């Protein structure tokens, strides 16, 4: 496996808190369906891969890309983990607004904050029970 491809795949595993198995070669059928990630993790990975490709495209793309982000999106479309809905386990027990913004996409955060309108809320963040109720709908 090419070094650039190996680094891209290692980072894809790291993006979900896993280590790439030492014997991983990418030849097992549908290996990319064994894990999942949130939309935000996928967005962050695409951003990282876009930057990585600027100097490390060989072995990932067949020619120097003119649009690195498009190549990164195509790579994720072909080999990325399945996306999943957010779960309460994605958050720490104390859920500050900044963490919500780090884990949620802009749209997910906006929808959550719209849902929170009129509910009791700490000035420092949201109560886990409220977030859990929102994630279950």
C-alpha atoms as a PDB file:
ATOM      1  CA  UNK A   1       0.000   0.000   0.000  1.00  0.00           C
ATOM      2  CA  UNK A   2       1.314   3.448  -0.956  1.00  0.00           C
ATOM      3  CA  UNK A   3       2.534   5.586   2.007  1.00  0.00           C
ATOM      4  CA  UNK A   4       0.125   8.433   1.194  1.00  0.00           C
ATOM      5  CA  UNK A   5      -2.848   6.080   1.024  1.00  0.00           C
ATOM      6  CA  UNK A   6      -1.769   4.418   4.258  1.00  0.00           C
ATOM      7  CA  UNK A   7      -1.566   7.794   6.042  1.00  0.00           C
ATOM      8  CA  UNK A   8      -4.973   8.832   4.691  1.00  0.00           C
ATOM      9  CA  UNK A   9      -6.519   5.584   5.915  1.00  0.00           C
ATOM     10  CA  UNK A  10      -4.750   5.752   9.289  1.00  0.00           C
ATOM     11  CA  UNK A  11      -6.194   9.228   9.818  1.00  0.00           C
ATOM     12  CA  UNK A  12      -9.638   7.985   8.803  1.00  0.00           C
ATOM     13  CA  UNK A  13      -9.445   5.395  11.593  1.00  0.00           C
ATOM     14  CA  UNK A  14      -8.118   8.005  14.036  1.00  0.00           C
ATOM     15  CA  UNK A  15     -10.999  10.332  13.147  1.00  0.00           C
ATOM     16  CA  UNK A  16     -13.352   7.855  14.857  1.00  0.00           C
ATOM     17  CA  UNK A  17     -11.038   7.073  17.773  1.00  0.00           C
ATOM     18  CA  UNK A  18      -9.730   3.781  16.383  1.00  0.00           C
ATOM     19  CA  UNK A  19      -6.303   2.591  15.358  1.00  0.00           C
ATOM     20  CA  UNK A  20      -5.859   1.076  11.954  1.00  0.00           C
ATOM     21  CA  UNK A  21      -5.157  -2.657  12.445  1.00  0.00           C
ATOM     22  CA  UNK A  22      -1.521  -3.576  11.768  1.00  0.00           C
ATOM     23  CA  UNK A  23      -2.581  -6.196   9.223  1.00  0.00           C
ATOM     24  CA  UNK A  24      -5.012  -3.873   7.398  1.00  0.00           C
ATOM     25  CA  UNK A  25      -4.538  -3.962   3.625  1.00  0.00           C
ATOM     26  CA  UNK A  26      -7.924  -2.687   2.387  1.00  0.00           C
ATOM     27  CA  UNK A  27      -8.613  -5.875   0.439  1.00  0.00           C
ATOM     28  CA  UNK A  28     -11.385  -7.231   2.653  1.00  0.00           C
ATOM     29  CA  UNK A  29     -14.725  -6.691   0.930  1.00  0.00           C
ATOM     30  CA  UNK A  30     -16.743  -3.775   2.387  1.00  0.00           C
ATOM     31  CA  UNK A  31     -14.169  -3.056   5.128  1.00  0.00           C
ATOM     32  CA  UNK A  32     -15.402   0.547   5.207  1.00  0.00           C
ATOM     33  CA  UNK A  33     -18.810  -0.572   6.516  1.00  0.00           C
ATOM     34  CA  UNK A  34     -17.369  -1.886   9.775  1.00  0.00           C
ATOM     35  CA  UNK A  35     -17.374   1.559  11.403  1.00  0.00           C
ATOM     36  CA  UNK A  36     -19.400   4.747  11.245  1.00  0.00           C
ATOM     37  CA  UNK A  37     -18.908   8.436  11.918  1.00  0.00           C
ATOM     38  CA  UNK A  38     -20.942  11.563  12.398  1.00  0.00           C
ATOM     39  CA  UNK A  39     -21.458  14.088   9.616  1.00  0.00           C
ATOM     40  CA  UNK A  40     -19.140  16.478  11.466  1.00  0.00           C
ATOM     41  CA  UNK A  41     -16.381  13.850  11.695  1.00  0.00           C
ATOM     42  CA  UNK A  42     -16.802  13.261   7.967  1.00  0.00           C
ATOM     43  CA  UNK A  43     -16.632  17.001   7.217  1.00  0.00           C
ATOM     44  CA  UNK A  44     -13.499  17.364   9.343  1.00  0.00           C
ATOM     45  CA  UNK A  45     -11.876  14.389   7.611  1.00  0.00           C
ATOM     46  CA  UNK A  46     -12.671  15.795   4.156  1.00  0.00           C
ATOM     47  CA  UNK A  47     -11.074  19.093   5.195  1.00  0.00           C
ATOM     48  CA  UNK A  48      -7.981  17.287   6.525  1.00  0.00           C
ATOM     49  CA  UNK A  49      -7.709  15.090   3.417  1.00  0.00           C
ATOM     50  CA  UNK A  50      -8.083  18.117   1.120  1.00  0.00           C
ATOM     51  CA  UNK A  51      -5.070  19.719   2.801  1.00  0.00           C
ATOM     52  CA  UNK A  52      -3.126  16.446   2.859  1.00  0.00           C
ATOM     53  CA  UNK A  53      -3.661  15.944  -0.878  1.00  0.00           C
ATOM     54  CA  UNK A  54      -1.956  19.238  -1.733  1.00  0.00           C
ATOM     55  CA  UNK A  55       1.426  17.553  -1.306  1.00  0.00           C
ATOM     56  CA  UNK A  56       0.509  13.873  -1.031  1.00  0.00           C
ATOM     57  CA  UNK A  57      -1.870  13.035  -3.878  1.00  0.00           C
ATOM     58  CA  UNK A  58       0.176  10.185  -5.393  1.00  0.00           C
ATOM     59  CA  UNK A  59      -1.365   6.823  -4.579  1.00  0.00           C
ATOM     60  CA  UNK A  60      -4.732   8.411  -3.836  1.00  0.00           C
ATOM     61  CA  UNK A  61      -5.455  10.240  -7.088  1.00  0.00           C
ATOM     62  CA  UNK A  62      -4.262   9.136 -10.535  1.00  0.00           C
ATOM     63  CA  UNK A  63      -3.100  12.674 -11.444  1.00  0.00           C
ATOM     64  CA  UNK A  64      -2.442  15.957  -9.629  1.00  0.00           C
ATOM     65  CA  UNK A  65      -5.925  17.256  -8.755  1.00  0.00           C
ATOM     66  CA  UNK A  66      -7.064  20.735  -9.675  1.00  0.00           C
ATOM     67  CA  UNK A  67      -9.656  20.624  -6.875  1.00  0.00           C
ATOM     68  CA  UNK A  68      -8.400  18.814  -3.780  1.00  0.00           C
ATOM     69  CA  UNK A  69     -11.717  19.019  -1.953  1.00  0.00           C
ATOM     70  CA  UNK A  70     -13.536  17.242  -4.791  1.00  0.00           C
ATOM     71  CA  UNK A  71     -10.985  14.416  -4.713  1.00  0.00           C
ATOM     72  CA  UNK A  72     -11.337  14.175  -0.921  1.00  0.00           C
ATOM     73  CA  UNK A  73     -15.136  14.014  -1.219  1.00  0.00           C
ATOM     74  CA  UNK A  74     -14.869  11.329  -3.894  1.00  0.00           C
ATOM     75  CA  UNK A  75     -12.481   9.308  -1.712  1.00  0.00           C
ATOM     76  CA  UNK A  76     -14.891   9.541   1.237  1.00  0.00           C
ATOM     77  CA  UNK A  77     -17.828   8.651  -0.999  1.00  0.00           C
ATOM     78  CA  UNK A  78     -16.017   5.505  -2.146  1.00  0.00           C
ATOM     79  CA  UNK A  79     -14.234   4.438   1.061  1.00  0.00           C
ATOM     80  CA  UNK A  80     -15.514   6.548   3.955  1.00  0.00           C
ATOM     81  CA  UNK A  81     -17.390   5.163   6.922  1.00  0.00           C
ATOM     82  CA  UNK A  82     -21.177   5.208   6.881  1.00  0.00           C
ATOM     83  CA  UNK A  83     -22.573   8.329   8.504  1.00  0.00           C
ATOM     84  CA  UNK A  84     -24.781   7.942  11.544  1.00  0.00           C
ATOM     85  CA  UNK A  85     -27.041  10.102  13.658  1.00  0.00           C
ATOM     86  CA  UNK A  86     -25.562  11.757  16.706  1.00  0.00           C
ATOM     87  CA  UNK A  87     -25.829   9.837  19.980  1.00  0.00           C
ATOM     88  CA  UNK A  88     -25.597  11.093  23.544  1.00  0.00           C
ATOM     89  CA  UNK A  89     -22.291   9.178  23.853  1.00  0.00           C
ATOM     90  CA  UNK A  90     -20.770  11.628  21.347  1.00  0.00           C
ATOM     91  CA  UNK A  91     -20.878  14.312  24.046  1.00  0.00           C
ATOM     92  CA  UNK A  92     -19.223  14.742  27.440  1.00  0.00           C
ATOM     93  CA  UNK A  93     -21.460  14.768  30.569  1.00  0.00           C
ATOM     94  CA  UNK A  94     -21.225  18.571  30.734  1.00  0.00           C
ATOM     95  CA  UNK A  95     -22.229  19.882  27.362  1.00  0.00           C
ATOM     96  CA  UNK A  96     -20.959  23.416  26.706  1.00  0.00           C
ATOM     97  CA  UNK A  97     -22.154  25.253  23.616  1.00  0.00           C
ATOM     98  CA  UNK A  98     -18.640  25.127  22.169  1.00  0.00           C
ATOM     99  CA  UNK A  99     -18.642  21.330  22.277  1.00  0.00           C
ATOM    100  CA  UNK A 100     -22.008  21.248  20.545  1.00  0.00           C
ATOM    101  CA  UNK A 101     -20.524  23.374  17.750  1.00  0.00           C
ATOM    102  CA  UNK A 102     -17.446  21.127  17.492  1.00  0.00           C
ATOM    103  CA  UNK A 103     -19.478  17.918  17.208  1.00  0.00           C
ATOM    104  CA  UNK A 104     -22.513  19.117  15.252  1.00  0.00           C
ATOM    105  CA  UNK A 105     -22.597  20.507  11.746  1.00  0.00           C
ATOM    106  CA  UNK A 106     -23.758  24.117  11.447  1.00  0.00           C
ATOM    107  CA  UNK A 107     -27.191  22.913  10.347  1.00  0.00           C
ATOM    108  CA  UNK A 108     -27.478  20.377  13.180  1.00  0.00           C
ATOM    109  CA  UNK A 109     -26.486  23.061  15.716  1.00  0.00           C
ATOM    110  CA  UNK A 110     -28.987  25.571  14.315  1.00  0.00           C
ATOM    111  CA  UNK A 111     -31.790  22.975  14.348  1.00  0.00           C
ATOM    112  CA  UNK A 112     -30.939  22.006  17.926  1.00  0.00           C
ATOM    113  CA  UNK A 113     -30.841  25.626  19.104  1.00  0.00           C
ATOM    114  CA  UNK A 114     -34.205  26.269  17.386  1.00  0.00           C
ATOM    115  CA  UNK A 115     -35.586  23.229  19.214  1.00  0.00           C
ATOM    116  CA  UNK A 116     -34.156  24.551  22.514  1.00  0.00           C
ATOM    117  CA  UNK A 117     -35.982  27.895  22.186  1.00  0.00           C
ATOM    118  CA  UNK A 118     -38.173  28.362  25.249  1.00  0.00           C
ATOM    119  CA  UNK A 119     -36.550  25.545  27.247  1.00  0.00           C
ATOM    120  CA  UNK A 120     -34.623  26.042  30.482  1.00  0.00           C
ATOM    121  CA  UNK A 121     -30.934  26.262  29.725  1.00  0.00           C
ATOM    122  CA  UNK A 122     -27.741  27.011  31.634  1.00  0.00           C
ATOM    123  CA  UNK A 123     -25.744  30.032  30.417  1.00  0.00           C
ATOM    124  CA  UNK A 124     -22.788  27.639  30.010  1.00  0.00           C
ATOM    125  CA  UNK A 125     -24.407  24.905  27.965  1.00  0.00           C
ATOM    126  CA  UNK A 126     -27.287  22.473  27.744  1.00  0.00           C
ATOM    127  CA  UNK A 127     -28.514  19.771  30.056  1.00  0.00           C
ATOM    128  CA  UNK A 128     -27.728  16.240  28.852  1.00  0.00           C
ATOM    129  CA  UNK A 129     -31.381  15.212  29.251  1.00  0.00           C
ATOM    130  CA  UNK A 130     -32.463  17.928  26.809  1.00  0.00           C
ATOM    131  CA  UNK A 131     -29.861  16.879  24.278  1.00  0.00           C
ATOM    132  CA  UNK A 132     -30.820  13.225  24.672  1.00  0.00           C
ATOM    133  CA  UNK A 133     -34.504  14.065  24.068  1.00  0.00           C
ATOM    134  CA  UNK A 134     -33.565  16.038  20.963  1.00  0.00           C
ATOM    135  CA  UNK A 135     -31.353  13.252  19.581  1.00  0.00           C
ATOM    136  CA  UNK A 136     -34.137  10.699  20.040  1.00  0.00           C
ATOM    137  CA  UNK A 137     -36.555  12.529  17.704  1.00  0.00           C
END
